[in-house]
Amino acid sequence: MPEDVVVHRGQDAPRAIITMPPAGRLTDRLGARGVALCGLVLAGMFAYTRTGAATPAWILMGALFVVGLGHGALAPSLAAASYQGLPGAVIPAATATSNIAIRTATSLGVAASEK
């Protein structure tokens, strides 16, 4: 993957900020399933199934932009769904456990991708 594309990959947060607020409101109104499904579709994974060594960097960066938007729709809806139905007293522990799991899985993913 070209280096400039790898640099842009780490910048999902600014793109996610665009879709997180509306995704949160839609999740509250419509439920998590539909919003999460839209976020997954927006995650741009289809573009990656159609790329090759000769794919221009601008196409990959466009796909990464869409992935950032999809992440912004997916994250709040999945977080809301994971806490739905939990008693209020256990939500702090569930939040801490979720954060630990995310950070551990991220670290393991980075370590596994290093060669």
PDB file of N, CA and C in Angstrom:
ATOM      1  N   MET A   1       0.853  -1.168   0.000  1.00  0.00           N
ATOM      2  CA  MET A   1       0.000   0.000   0.000  1.00  0.00           C
ATOM      3  C   MET A   1       0.900   1.232   0.000  1.00  0.00           C
ATOM      4  N   PRO A   2       0.589   2.222  -0.824  1.00  0.00           N
ATOM      5  CA  PRO A   2       1.420   3.429  -0.870  1.00  0.00           C
ATOM      6  C   PRO A   2       1.473   4.122   0.490  1.00  0.00           C
ATOM      7  N   GLU A   3       2.628   4.724   0.777  1.00  0.00           N
ATOM      8  CA  GLU A   3       2.836   5.340   2.084  1.00  0.00           C
ATOM      9  C   GLU A   3       1.832   6.455   2.373  1.00  0.00           C
ATOM     10  N   ASP A   4       1.478   7.253   1.372  1.00  0.00           N
ATOM     11  CA  ASP A   4       0.539   8.347   1.629  1.00  0.00           C
ATOM     12  C   ASP A   4      -0.838   7.814   1.996  1.00  0.00           C
ATOM     13  N   VAL A   5      -1.200   6.646   1.484  1.00  0.00           N
ATOM     14  CA  VAL A   5      -2.474   6.037   1.854  1.00  0.00           C
ATOM     15  C   VAL A   5      -2.413   5.541   3.289  1.00  0.00           C
ATOM     16  N   VAL A   6      -1.294   4.963   3.685  1.00  0.00           N
ATOM     17  CA  VAL A   6      -1.132   4.487   5.057  1.00  0.00           C
ATOM     18  C   VAL A   6      -1.229   5.648   6.030  1.00  0.00           C
ATOM     19  N   VAL A   7      -0.653   6.785   5.696  1.00  0.00           N
ATOM     20  CA  VAL A   7      -0.735   7.972   6.553  1.00  0.00           C
ATOM     21  C   VAL A   7      -2.182   8.415   6.697  1.00  0.00           C
ATOM     22  N   HIS A   8      -2.949   8.402   5.622  1.00  0.00           N
ATOM     23  CA  HIS A   8      -4.353   8.828   5.684  1.00  0.00           C
ATOM     24  C   HIS A   8      -5.208   7.837   6.461  1.00  0.00           C
ATOM     25  N   ARG A   9      -4.800   6.596   6.536  1.00  0.00           N
ATOM     26  CA  ARG A   9      -5.569   5.573   7.250  1.00  0.00           C
ATOM     27  C   ARG A   9      -5.709   5.922   8.722  1.00  0.00           C
ATOM     28  N   GLY A  10      -4.712   6.544   9.289  1.00  0.00           N
ATOM     29  CA  GLY A  10      -4.754   6.882  10.702  1.00  0.00           C
ATOM     30  C   GLY A  10      -5.611   8.082  11.031  1.00  0.00           C
ATOM     31  N   GLN A  11      -6.273   8.632  10.049  1.00  0.00           N
ATOM     32  CA  GLN A  11      -7.049   9.850  10.265  1.00  0.00           C
ATOM     33  C   GLN A  11      -8.544   9.601  10.140  1.00  0.00           C
ATOM     34  N   ASP A  12      -9.026   8.474  10.676  1.00  0.00           N
ATOM     35  CA  ASP A  12     -10.454   8.168  10.639  1.00  0.00           C
ATOM     36  C   ASP A  12     -11.276   9.113  11.505  1.00  0.00           C
ATOM     37  N   ALA A  13     -10.700   9.561  12.610  1.00  0.00           N
ATOM     38  CA  ALA A  13     -11.465  10.353  13.576  1.00  0.00           C
ATOM     39  C   ALA A  13     -12.096  11.603  12.971  1.00  0.00           C
ATOM     40  N   PRO A  14     -11.363  12.415  12.200  1.00  0.00           N
ATOM     41  CA  PRO A  14     -12.026  13.605  11.641  1.00  0.00           C
ATOM     42  C   PRO A  14     -13.201  13.250  10.726  1.00  0.00           C
ATOM     43  N   ARG A  15     -13.094  12.158  10.016  1.00  0.00           N
ATOM     44  CA  ARG A  15     -14.206  11.756   9.144  1.00  0.00           C
ATOM     45  C   ARG A  15     -15.337  11.163   9.967  1.00  0.00           C
ATOM     46  N   ALA A  16     -15.006  10.440  11.008  1.00  0.00           N
ATOM     47  CA  ALA A  16     -16.032   9.843  11.856  1.00  0.00           C
ATOM     48  C   ALA A  16     -16.846  10.916  12.572  1.00  0.00           C
ATOM     49  N   ILE A  17     -16.206  12.036  12.873  1.00  0.00           N
ATOM     50  CA  ILE A  17     -16.913  13.129  13.557  1.00  0.00           C
ATOM     51  C   ILE A  17     -18.092  13.620  12.725  1.00  0.00           C
ATOM     52  N   ILE A  18     -17.985  13.500  11.426  1.00  0.00           N
ATOM     53  CA  ILE A  18     -19.067  13.951  10.545  1.00  0.00           C
ATOM     54  C   ILE A  18     -20.323  13.116  10.760  1.00  0.00           C
ATOM     55  N   THR A  19     -20.171  11.809  10.915  1.00  0.00           N
ATOM     56  CA  THR A  19     -21.346  10.941  10.982  1.00  0.00           C
ATOM     57  C   THR A  19     -21.747  10.517  12.391  1.00  0.00           C
ATOM     58  N   MET A  20     -20.889  10.697  13.381  1.00  0.00           N
ATOM     59  CA  MET A  20     -21.236  10.241  14.734  1.00  0.00           C
ATOM     60  C   MET A  20     -22.472  10.936  15.321  1.00  0.00           C
ATOM     61  N   PRO A  21     -22.567  12.259  15.288  1.00  0.00           N
ATOM     62  CA  PRO A  21     -23.762  12.885  15.887  1.00  0.00           C
ATOM     63  C   PRO A  21     -25.077  12.446  15.232  1.00  0.00           C
ATOM     64  N   PRO A  22     -25.182  12.459  13.886  1.00  0.00           N
ATOM     65  CA  PRO A  22     -26.453  11.993  13.321  1.00  0.00           C
ATOM     66  C   PRO A  22     -26.698  10.507  13.573  1.00  0.00           C
ATOM     67  N   ALA A  23     -25.640   9.713  13.609  1.00  0.00           N
ATOM     68  CA  ALA A  23     -25.809   8.281  13.862  1.00  0.00           C
ATOM     69  C   ALA A  23     -26.334   8.039  15.278  1.00  0.00           C
ATOM     70  N   GLY A  24     -25.851   8.819  16.234  1.00  0.00           N
ATOM     71  CA  GLY A  24     -26.357   8.693  17.602  1.00  0.00           C
ATOM     72  C   GLY A  24     -27.827   9.040  17.694  1.00  0.00           C
ATOM     73  N   ARG A  25     -28.217  10.129  17.036  1.00  0.00           N
ATOM     74  CA  ARG A  25     -29.631  10.522  17.049  1.00  0.00           C
ATOM     75  C   ARG A  25     -30.503   9.478  16.350  1.00  0.00           C
ATOM     76  N   LEU A  26     -30.029   8.960  15.211  1.00  0.00           N
ATOM     77  CA  LEU A  26     -30.790   7.931  14.497  1.00  0.00           C
ATOM     78  C   LEU A  26     -30.886   6.640  15.301  1.00  0.00           C
ATOM     79  N   THR A  27     -29.828   6.305  16.010  1.00  0.00           N
ATOM     80  CA  THR A  27     -29.856   5.100  16.847  1.00  0.00           C
ATOM     81  C   THR A  27     -30.891   5.247  17.953  1.00  0.00           C
ATOM     82  N   ASP A  28     -30.960   6.424  18.564  1.00  0.00           N
ATOM     83  CA  ASP A  28     -31.962   6.665  19.606  1.00  0.00           C
ATOM     84  C   ASP A  28     -33.371   6.566  19.044  1.00  0.00           C
ATOM     85  N   ARG A  29     -33.557   7.045  17.834  1.00  0.00           N
ATOM     86  CA  ARG A  29     -34.889   7.092  17.241  1.00  0.00           C
ATOM     87  C   ARG A  29     -35.296   5.774  16.587  1.00  0.00           C
ATOM     88  N   LEU A  30     -34.364   5.130  15.866  1.00  0.00           N
ATOM     89  CA  LEU A  30     -34.722   3.970  15.045  1.00  0.00           C
ATOM     90  C   LEU A  30     -34.194   2.642  15.572  1.00  0.00           C
ATOM     91  N   GLY A  31     -33.269   2.689  16.500  1.00  0.00           N
ATOM     92  CA  GLY A  31     -32.640   1.457  16.973  1.00  0.00           C
ATOM     93  C   GLY A  31     -31.278   1.268  16.336  1.00  0.00           C
ATOM     94  N   ALA A  32     -30.491   0.409  16.936  1.00  0.00           N
ATOM     95  CA  ALA A  32     -29.097   0.260  16.528  1.00  0.00           C
ATOM     96  C   ALA A  32     -28.915  -0.568  15.265  1.00  0.00           C
ATOM     97  N   ARG A  33     -29.773  -1.531  15.016  1.00  0.00           N
ATOM     98  CA  ARG A  33     -29.536  -2.478  13.932  1.00  0.00           C
ATOM     99  C   ARG A  33     -29.417  -1.808  12.563  1.00  0.00           C
ATOM    100  N   GLY A  34     -30.359  -0.976  12.204  1.00  0.00           N
ATOM    101  CA  GLY A  34     -30.339  -0.330  10.888  1.00  0.00           C
ATOM    102  C   GLY A  34     -29.177   0.629  10.717  1.00  0.00           C
ATOM    103  N   VAL A  35     -28.891   1.388  11.759  1.00  0.00           N
ATOM    104  CA  VAL A  35     -27.795   2.354  11.691  1.00  0.00           C
ATOM    105  C   VAL A  35     -26.461   1.624  11.584  1.00  0.00           C
ATOM    106  N   ALA A  36     -26.302   0.548  12.356  1.00  0.00           N
ATOM    107  CA  ALA A  36     -25.068  -0.232  12.289  1.00  0.00           C
ATOM    108  C   ALA A  36     -24.898  -0.866  10.913  1.00  0.00           C
ATOM    109  N   LEU A  37     -25.980  -1.346  10.346  1.00  0.00           N
ATOM    110  CA  LEU A  37     -25.912  -1.946   9.014  1.00  0.00           C
ATOM    111  C   LEU A  37     -25.506  -0.911   7.967  1.00  0.00           C
ATOM    112  N   CYS A  38     -26.059   0.284   8.061  1.00  0.00           N
ATOM    113  CA  CYS A  38     -25.655   1.355   7.137  1.00  0.00           C
ATOM    114  C   CYS A  38     -24.182   1.710   7.333  1.00  0.00           C
ATOM    115  N   GLY A  39     -23.743   1.756   8.573  1.00  0.00           N
ATOM    116  CA  GLY A  39     -22.335   2.039   8.851  1.00  0.00           C
ATOM    117  C   GLY A  39     -21.428   0.973   8.281  1.00  0.00           C
ATOM    118  N   LEU A  40     -21.872  -0.271   8.358  1.00  0.00           N
ATOM    119  CA  LEU A  40     -21.077  -1.369   7.809  1.00  0.00           C
ATOM    120  C   LEU A  40     -20.986  -1.265   6.291  1.00  0.00           C
ATOM    121  N   VAL A  41     -22.093  -0.910   5.666  1.00  0.00           N
ATOM    122  CA  VAL A  41     -22.089  -0.727   4.207  1.00  0.00           C
ATOM    123  C   VAL A  41     -21.181   0.444   3.840  1.00  0.00           C
ATOM    124  N   LEU A  42     -21.282   1.521   4.608  1.00  0.00           N
ATOM    125  CA  LEU A  42     -20.438   2.685   4.357  1.00  0.00           C
ATOM    126  C   LEU A  42     -18.972   2.415   4.659  1.00  0.00           C
ATOM    127  N   ALA A  43     -18.704   1.346   5.382  1.00  0.00           N
ATOM    128  CA  ALA A  43     -17.329   1.082   5.782  1.00  0.00           C
ATOM    129  C   ALA A  43     -16.426   0.869   4.577  1.00  0.00           C
ATOM    130  N   GLY A  44     -16.977   0.836   3.392  1.00  0.00           N
ATOM    131  CA  GLY A  44     -16.167   0.866   2.184  1.00  0.00           C
ATOM    132  C   GLY A  44     -15.391  -0.402   1.899  1.00  0.00           C
ATOM    133  N   MET A  45     -15.764  -1.478   2.536  1.00  0.00           N
ATOM    134  CA  MET A  45     -15.012  -2.709   2.338  1.00  0.00           C
ATOM    135  C   MET A  45     -15.128  -3.218   0.902  1.00  0.00           C
ATOM    136  N   PHE A  46     -16.213  -2.896   0.230  1.00  0.00           N
ATOM    137  CA  PHE A  46     -16.374  -3.332  -1.154  1.00  0.00           C
ATOM    138  C   PHE A  46     -15.246  -2.793  -2.025  1.00  0.00           C
ATOM    139  N   ALA A  47     -14.846  -1.571  -1.785  1.00  0.00           N
ATOM    140  CA  ALA A  47     -13.778  -0.978  -2.598  1.00  0.00           C
ATOM    141  C   ALA A  47     -12.491  -1.774  -2.475  1.00  0.00           C
ATOM    142  N   TYR A  48     -12.252  -2.339  -1.294  1.00  0.00           N
ATOM    143  CA  TYR A  48     -11.012  -3.088  -1.098  1.00  0.00           C
ATOM    144  C   TYR A  48     -11.028  -4.433  -1.821  1.00  0.00           C
ATOM    145  N   THR A  49     -12.202  -4.942  -2.123  1.00  0.00           N
ATOM    146  CA  THR A  49     -12.254  -6.209  -2.859  1.00  0.00           C
ATOM    147  C   THR A  49     -11.992  -6.013  -4.336  1.00  0.00           C
ATOM    148  N   ARG A  50     -11.950  -4.787  -4.782  1.00  0.00           N
ATOM    149  CA  ARG A  50     -11.754  -4.479  -6.200  1.00  0.00           C
ATOM    150  C   ARG A  50     -10.441  -3.759  -6.468  1.00  0.00           C
ATOM    151  N   THR A  51      -9.518  -3.809  -5.533  1.00  0.00           N
ATOM    152  CA  THR A  51      -8.245  -3.122  -5.711  1.00  0.00           C
ATOM    153  C   THR A  51      -7.143  -4.120  -6.044  1.00  0.00           C
ATOM    154  N   GLY A  52      -6.100  -3.589  -6.606  1.00  0.00           N
ATOM    155  CA  GLY A  52      -4.937  -4.398  -6.935  1.00  0.00           C
ATOM    156  C   GLY A  52      -3.682  -3.561  -6.817  1.00  0.00           C
ATOM    157  N   ALA A  53      -2.584  -4.097  -7.264  1.00  0.00           N
ATOM    158  CA  ALA A  53      -1.310  -3.390  -7.161  1.00  0.00           C
ATOM    159  C   ALA A  53      -1.298  -2.115  -7.993  1.00  0.00           C
ATOM    160  N   ALA A  54      -2.092  -2.086  -9.051  1.00  0.00           N
ATOM    161  CA  ALA A  54      -2.094  -0.924  -9.937  1.00  0.00           C
ATOM    162  C   ALA A  54      -3.179   0.094  -9.585  1.00  0.00           C
ATOM    163  N   THR A  55      -3.901  -0.112  -8.493  1.00  0.00           N
ATOM    164  CA  THR A  55      -4.960   0.819  -8.103  1.00  0.00           C
ATOM    165  C   THR A  55      -4.355   2.145  -7.692  1.00  0.00           C
ATOM    166  N   PRO A  56      -4.841   3.242  -8.287  1.00  0.00           N
ATOM    167  CA  PRO A  56      -4.290   4.559  -7.925  1.00  0.00           C
ATOM    168  C   PRO A  56      -4.551   4.896  -6.454  1.00  0.00           C
ATOM    169  N   ALA A  57      -3.632   5.652  -5.881  1.00  0.00           N
ATOM    170  CA  ALA A  57      -3.735   6.027  -4.473  1.00  0.00           C
ATOM    171  C   ALA A  57      -4.997   6.831  -4.201  1.00  0.00           C
ATOM    172  N   TRP A  58      -5.455   7.647  -5.145  1.00  0.00           N
ATOM    173  CA  TRP A  58      -6.635   8.479  -4.889  1.00  0.00           C
ATOM    174  C   TRP A  58      -7.890   7.619  -4.716  1.00  0.00           C
ATOM    175  N   ILE A  59      -7.938   6.473  -5.361  1.00  0.00           N
ATOM    176  CA  ILE A  59      -9.084   5.572  -5.172  1.00  0.00           C
ATOM    177  C   ILE A  59      -9.033   4.963  -3.769  1.00  0.00           C
ATOM    178  N   LEU A  60      -7.843   4.557  -3.344  1.00  0.00           N
ATOM    179  CA  LEU A  60      -7.693   4.002  -2.004  1.00  0.00           C
ATOM    180  C   LEU A  60      -8.022   5.049  -0.944  1.00  0.00           C
ATOM    181  N   MET A  61      -7.584   6.289  -1.153  1.00  0.00           N
ATOM    182  CA  MET A  61      -7.875   7.352  -0.181  1.00  0.00           C
ATOM    183  C   MET A  61      -9.368   7.681  -0.164  1.00  0.00           C
ATOM    184  N   GLY A  62     -10.020   7.618  -1.320  1.00  0.00           N
ATOM    185  CA  GLY A  62     -11.468   7.814  -1.354  1.00  0.00           C
ATOM    186  C   GLY A  62     -12.191   6.726  -0.566  1.00  0.00           C
ATOM    187  N   ALA A  63     -11.719   5.490  -0.733  1.00  0.00           N
ATOM    188  CA  ALA A  63     -12.298   4.390   0.031  1.00  0.00           C
ATOM    189  C   ALA A  63     -12.059   4.584   1.529  1.00  0.00           C
ATOM    190  N   LEU A  64     -10.886   5.075   1.893  1.00  0.00           N
ATOM    191  CA  LEU A  64     -10.595   5.335   3.304  1.00  0.00           C
ATOM    192  C   LEU A  64     -11.495   6.433   3.868  1.00  0.00           C
ATOM    193  N   PHE A  65     -11.819   7.424   3.043  1.00  0.00           N
ATOM    194  CA  PHE A  65     -12.735   8.472   3.487  1.00  0.00           C
ATOM    195  C   PHE A  65     -14.094   7.870   3.825  1.00  0.00           C
ATOM    196  N   VAL A  66     -14.571   6.991   2.950  1.00  0.00           N
ATOM    197  CA  VAL A  66     -15.857   6.346   3.179  1.00  0.00           C
ATOM    198  C   VAL A  66     -15.788   5.431   4.404  1.00  0.00           C
ATOM    199  N   VAL A  67     -14.656   4.756   4.599  1.00  0.00           N
ATOM    200  CA  VAL A  67     -14.483   3.918   5.787  1.00  0.00           C
ATOM    201  C   VAL A  67     -14.605   4.765   7.050  1.00  0.00           C
ATOM    202  N   GLY A  68     -14.009   5.951   7.058  1.00  0.00           N
ATOM    203  CA  GLY A  68     -14.118   6.847   8.215  1.00  0.00           C
ATOM    204  C   GLY A  68     -15.551   7.251   8.484  1.00  0.00           C
ATOM    205  N   LEU A  69     -16.296   7.547   7.431  1.00  0.00           N
ATOM    206  CA  LEU A  69     -17.716   7.881   7.598  1.00  0.00           C
ATOM    207  C   LEU A  69     -18.483   6.688   8.163  1.00  0.00           C
ATOM    208  N   GLY A  70     -18.188   5.510   7.626  1.00  0.00           N
ATOM    209  CA  GLY A  70     -18.859   4.304   8.107  1.00  0.00           C
ATOM    210  C   GLY A  70     -18.540   4.008   9.554  1.00  0.00           C
ATOM    211  N   HIS A  71     -17.284   4.229   9.933  1.00  0.00           N
ATOM    212  CA  HIS A  71     -16.902   4.020  11.333  1.00  0.00           C
ATOM    213  C   HIS A  71     -17.685   4.944  12.246  1.00  0.00           C
ATOM    214  N   GLY A  72     -17.893   6.160  11.799  1.00  0.00           N
ATOM    215  CA  GLY A  72     -18.655   7.120  12.593  1.00  0.00           C
ATOM    216  C   GLY A  72     -20.107   6.731  12.762  1.00  0.00           C
ATOM    217  N   ALA A  73     -20.662   5.994  11.802  1.00  0.00           N
ATOM    218  CA  ALA A  73     -22.042   5.521  11.928  1.00  0.00           C
ATOM    219  C   ALA A  73     -22.112   4.218  12.720  1.00  0.00           C
ATOM    220  N   LEU A  74     -21.097   3.412  12.591  1.00  0.00           N
ATOM    221  CA  LEU A  74     -21.093   2.094  13.224  1.00  0.00           C
ATOM    222  C   LEU A  74     -20.821   2.165  14.727  1.00  0.00           C
ATOM    223  N   ALA A  75     -19.847   2.952  15.122  1.00  0.00           N
ATOM    224  CA  ALA A  75     -19.409   2.962  16.524  1.00  0.00           C
ATOM    225  C   ALA A  75     -20.506   3.340  17.524  1.00  0.00           C
ATOM    226  N   PRO A  76     -21.227   4.455  17.342  1.00  0.00           N
ATOM    227  CA  PRO A  76     -22.216   4.801  18.371  1.00  0.00           C
ATOM    228  C   PRO A  76     -23.383   3.827  18.411  1.00  0.00           C
ATOM    229  N   SER A  77     -23.778   3.298  17.266  1.00  0.00           N
ATOM    230  CA  SER A  77     -24.914   2.379  17.268  1.00  0.00           C
ATOM    231  C   SER A  77     -24.550   1.064  17.943  1.00  0.00           C
ATOM    232  N   LEU A  78     -23.338   0.565  17.716  1.00  0.00           N
ATOM    233  CA  LEU A  78     -22.928  -0.668  18.389  1.00  0.00           C
ATOM    234  C   LEU A  78     -22.726  -0.450  19.876  1.00  0.00           C
ATOM    235  N   ALA A  79     -22.197   0.710  20.249  1.00  0.00           N
ATOM    236  CA  ALA A  79     -22.032   1.007  21.678  1.00  0.00           C
ATOM    237  C   ALA A  79     -23.392   1.076  22.365  1.00  0.00           C
ATOM    238  N   ALA A  80     -24.350   1.726  21.726  1.00  0.00           N
ATOM    239  CA  ALA A  80     -25.694   1.826  22.312  1.00  0.00           C
ATOM    240  C   ALA A  80     -26.331   0.447  22.432  1.00  0.00           C
ATOM    241  N   ALA A  81     -26.161  -0.373  21.418  1.00  0.00           N
ATOM    242  CA  ALA A  81     -26.751  -1.714  21.453  1.00  0.00           C
ATOM    243  C   ALA A  81     -26.108  -2.578  22.537  1.00  0.00           C
ATOM    244  N   SER A  82     -24.812  -2.389  22.757  1.00  0.00           N
ATOM    245  CA  SER A  82     -24.133  -3.226  23.751  1.00  0.00           C
ATOM    246  C   SER A  82     -24.558  -2.889  25.176  1.00  0.00           C
ATOM    247  N   TYR A  83     -24.993  -1.670  25.430  1.00  0.00           N
ATOM    248  CA  TYR A  83     -25.409  -1.281  26.776  1.00  0.00           C
ATOM    249  C   TYR A  83     -26.919  -1.380  26.974  1.00  0.00           C
ATOM    250  N   GLN A  84     -27.645  -1.619  25.920  1.00  0.00           N
ATOM    251  CA  GLN A  84     -29.102  -1.681  25.991  1.00  0.00           C
ATOM    252  C   GLN A  84     -29.513  -2.866  26.861  1.00  0.00           C
ATOM    253  N   GLY A  85     -30.385  -2.633  27.771  1.00  0.00           N
ATOM    254  CA  GLY A  85     -30.877  -3.702  28.626  1.00  0.00           C
ATOM    255  C   GLY A  85     -30.047  -3.944  29.875  1.00  0.00           C
ATOM    256  N   LEU A  86     -28.897  -3.283  29.982  1.00  0.00           N
ATOM    257  CA  LEU A  86     -28.086  -3.447  31.190  1.00  0.00           C
ATOM    258  C   LEU A  86     -28.654  -2.584  32.311  1.00  0.00           C
ATOM    259  N   PRO A  87     -28.642  -3.092  33.530  1.00  0.00           N
ATOM    260  CA  PRO A  87     -29.045  -2.241  34.651  1.00  0.00           C
ATOM    261  C   PRO A  87     -28.058  -1.087  34.809  1.00  0.00           C
ATOM    262  N   GLY A  88     -28.538   0.035  35.224  1.00  0.00           N
ATOM    263  CA  GLY A  88     -27.697   1.228  35.367  1.00  0.00           C
ATOM    264  C   GLY A  88     -26.485   1.026  36.249  1.00  0.00           C
ATOM    265  N   ALA A  89     -26.590   0.145  37.241  1.00  0.00           N
ATOM    266  CA  ALA A  89     -25.485  -0.052  38.182  1.00  0.00           C
ATOM    267  C   ALA A  89     -24.279  -0.728  37.540  1.00  0.00           C
ATOM    268  N   VAL A  90     -24.465  -1.491  36.466  1.00  0.00           N
ATOM    269  CA  VAL A  90     -23.341  -2.210  35.862  1.00  0.00           C
ATOM    270  C   VAL A  90     -22.764  -1.506  34.637  1.00  0.00           C
ATOM    271  N   ILE A  91     -23.356  -0.412  34.209  1.00  0.00           N
ATOM    272  CA  ILE A  91     -22.867   0.290  33.024  1.00  0.00           C
ATOM    273  C   ILE A  91     -21.431   0.805  33.207  1.00  0.00           C
ATOM    274  N   PRO A  92     -21.049   1.353  34.358  1.00  0.00           N
ATOM    275  CA  PRO A  92     -19.637   1.765  34.496  1.00  0.00           C
ATOM    276  C   PRO A  92     -18.660   0.599  34.314  1.00  0.00           C
ATOM    277  N   ALA A  93     -18.963  -0.552  34.875  1.00  0.00           N
ATOM    278  CA  ALA A  93     -18.080  -1.709  34.716  1.00  0.00           C
ATOM    279  C   ALA A  93     -18.074  -2.186  33.267  1.00  0.00           C
ATOM    280  N   ALA A  94     -19.228  -2.153  32.620  1.00  0.00           N
ATOM    281  CA  ALA A  94     -19.307  -2.561  31.211  1.00  0.00           C
ATOM    282  C   ALA A  94     -18.514  -1.605  30.326  1.00  0.00           C
ATOM    283  N   THR A  95     -18.552  -0.327  30.634  1.00  0.00           N
ATOM    284  CA  THR A  95     -17.790   0.661  29.875  1.00  0.00           C
ATOM    285  C   THR A  95     -16.290   0.426  30.027  1.00  0.00           C
ATOM    286  N   ALA A  96     -15.857   0.196  31.253  1.00  0.00           N
ATOM    287  CA  ALA A  96     -14.432  -0.063  31.489  1.00  0.00           C
ATOM    288  C   ALA A  96     -13.986  -1.335  30.772  1.00  0.00           C
ATOM    289  N   THR A  97     -14.778  -2.382  30.852  1.00  0.00           N
ATOM    290  CA  THR A  97     -14.448  -3.642  30.188  1.00  0.00           C
ATOM    291  C   THR A  97     -14.385  -3.459  28.679  1.00  0.00           C
ATOM    292  N   SER A  98     -15.332  -2.719  28.137  1.00  0.00           N
ATOM    293  CA  SER A  98     -15.356  -2.460  26.697  1.00  0.00           C
ATOM    294  C   SER A  98     -14.111  -1.696  26.262  1.00  0.00           C
ATOM    295  N   ASN A  99     -13.737  -0.670  27.011  1.00  0.00           N
ATOM    296  CA  ASN A  99     -12.549   0.110  26.668  1.00  0.00           C
ATOM    297  C   ASN A  99     -11.276  -0.723  26.747  1.00  0.00           C
ATOM    298  N   ILE A 100     -11.173  -1.564  27.752  1.00  0.00           N
ATOM    299  CA  ILE A 100     -10.000  -2.434  27.876  1.00  0.00           C
ATOM    300  C   ILE A 100      -9.939  -3.402  26.696  1.00  0.00           C
ATOM    301  N   ALA A 101     -11.080  -3.980  26.331  1.00  0.00           N
ATOM    302  CA  ALA A 101     -11.118  -4.917  25.214  1.00  0.00           C
ATOM    303  C   ALA A 101     -10.733  -4.236  23.901  1.00  0.00           C
ATOM    304  N   ILE A 102     -11.222  -3.025  23.684  1.00  0.00           N
ATOM    305  CA  ILE A 102     -10.902  -2.295  22.449  1.00  0.00           C
ATOM    306  C   ILE A 102      -9.402  -2.012  22.381  1.00  0.00           C
ATOM    307  N   ARG A 103      -8.836  -1.524  23.465  1.00  0.00           N
ATOM    308  CA  ARG A 103      -7.407  -1.194  23.444  1.00  0.00           C
ATOM    309  C   ARG A 103      -6.533  -2.433  23.318  1.00  0.00           C
ATOM    310  N   THR A 104      -6.919  -3.510  23.966  1.00  0.00           N
ATOM    311  CA  THR A 104      -6.155  -4.755  23.858  1.00  0.00           C
ATOM    312  C   THR A 104      -6.228  -5.308  22.440  1.00  0.00           C
ATOM    313  N   ALA A 105      -7.426  -5.344  21.875  1.00  0.00           N
ATOM    314  CA  ALA A 105      -7.585  -5.867  20.518  1.00  0.00           C
ATOM    315  C   ALA A 105      -6.853  -5.001  19.496  1.00  0.00           C
ATOM    316  N   THR A 106      -6.869  -3.694  19.691  1.00  0.00           N
ATOM    317  CA  THR A 106      -6.135  -2.796  18.781  1.00  0.00           C
ATOM    318  C   THR A 106      -4.648  -3.067  18.849  1.00  0.00           C
ATOM    319  N   SER A 107      -4.129  -3.194  20.048  1.00  0.00           N
ATOM    320  CA  SER A 107      -2.701  -3.472  20.207  1.00  0.00           C
ATOM    321  C   SER A 107      -2.317  -4.807  19.581  1.00  0.00           C
ATOM    322  N   LEU A 108      -3.134  -5.813  19.801  1.00  0.00           N
ATOM    323  CA  LEU A 108      -2.865  -7.128  19.216  1.00  0.00           C
ATOM    324  C   LEU A 108      -2.948  -7.089  17.698  1.00  0.00           C
ATOM    325  N   GLY A 109      -3.903  -6.336  17.173  1.00  0.00           N
ATOM    326  CA  GLY A 109      -4.025  -6.200  15.723  1.00  0.00           C
ATOM    327  C   GLY A 109      -2.825  -5.533  15.099  1.00  0.00           C
ATOM    328  N   VAL A 110      -2.330  -4.484  15.746  1.00  0.00           N
ATOM    329  CA  VAL A 110      -1.136  -3.804  15.245  1.00  0.00           C
ATOM    330  C   VAL A 110       0.074  -4.733  15.315  1.00  0.00           C
ATOM    331  N   ALA A 111       0.217  -5.441  16.437  1.00  0.00           N
ATOM    332  CA  ALA A 111       1.342  -6.357  16.602  1.00  0.00           C
ATOM    333  C   ALA A 111       1.283  -7.486  15.572  1.00  0.00           C
ATOM    334  N   ALA A 112       0.092  -7.990  15.303  1.00  0.00           N
ATOM    335  CA  ALA A 112      -0.052  -9.085  14.342  1.00  0.00           C
ATOM    336  C   ALA A 112       0.222  -8.628  12.913  1.00  0.00           C
ATOM    337  N   SER A 113      -0.021  -7.348  12.630  1.00  0.00           N
ATOM    338  CA  SER A 113       0.186  -6.855  11.261  1.00  0.00           C
ATOM    339  C   SER A 113       1.639  -6.516  10.981  1.00  0.00           C
ATOM    340  N   GLU A 114       2.451  -6.346  12.012  1.00  0.00           N
ATOM    341  CA  GLU A 114       3.875  -6.068  11.839  1.00  0.00           C
ATOM    342  C   GLU A 114       4.579  -7.333  11.394  1.00  0.00           C
ATOM    343  N   LYS A 115       5.471  -7.183  10.453  1.00  0.00           N
ATOM    344  CA  LYS A 115       6.195  -8.362   9.956  1.00  0.00           C
ATOM    345  C   LYS A 115       7.649  -8.266  10.231  1.00  0.00           C
TER     346      LYS A 115
END
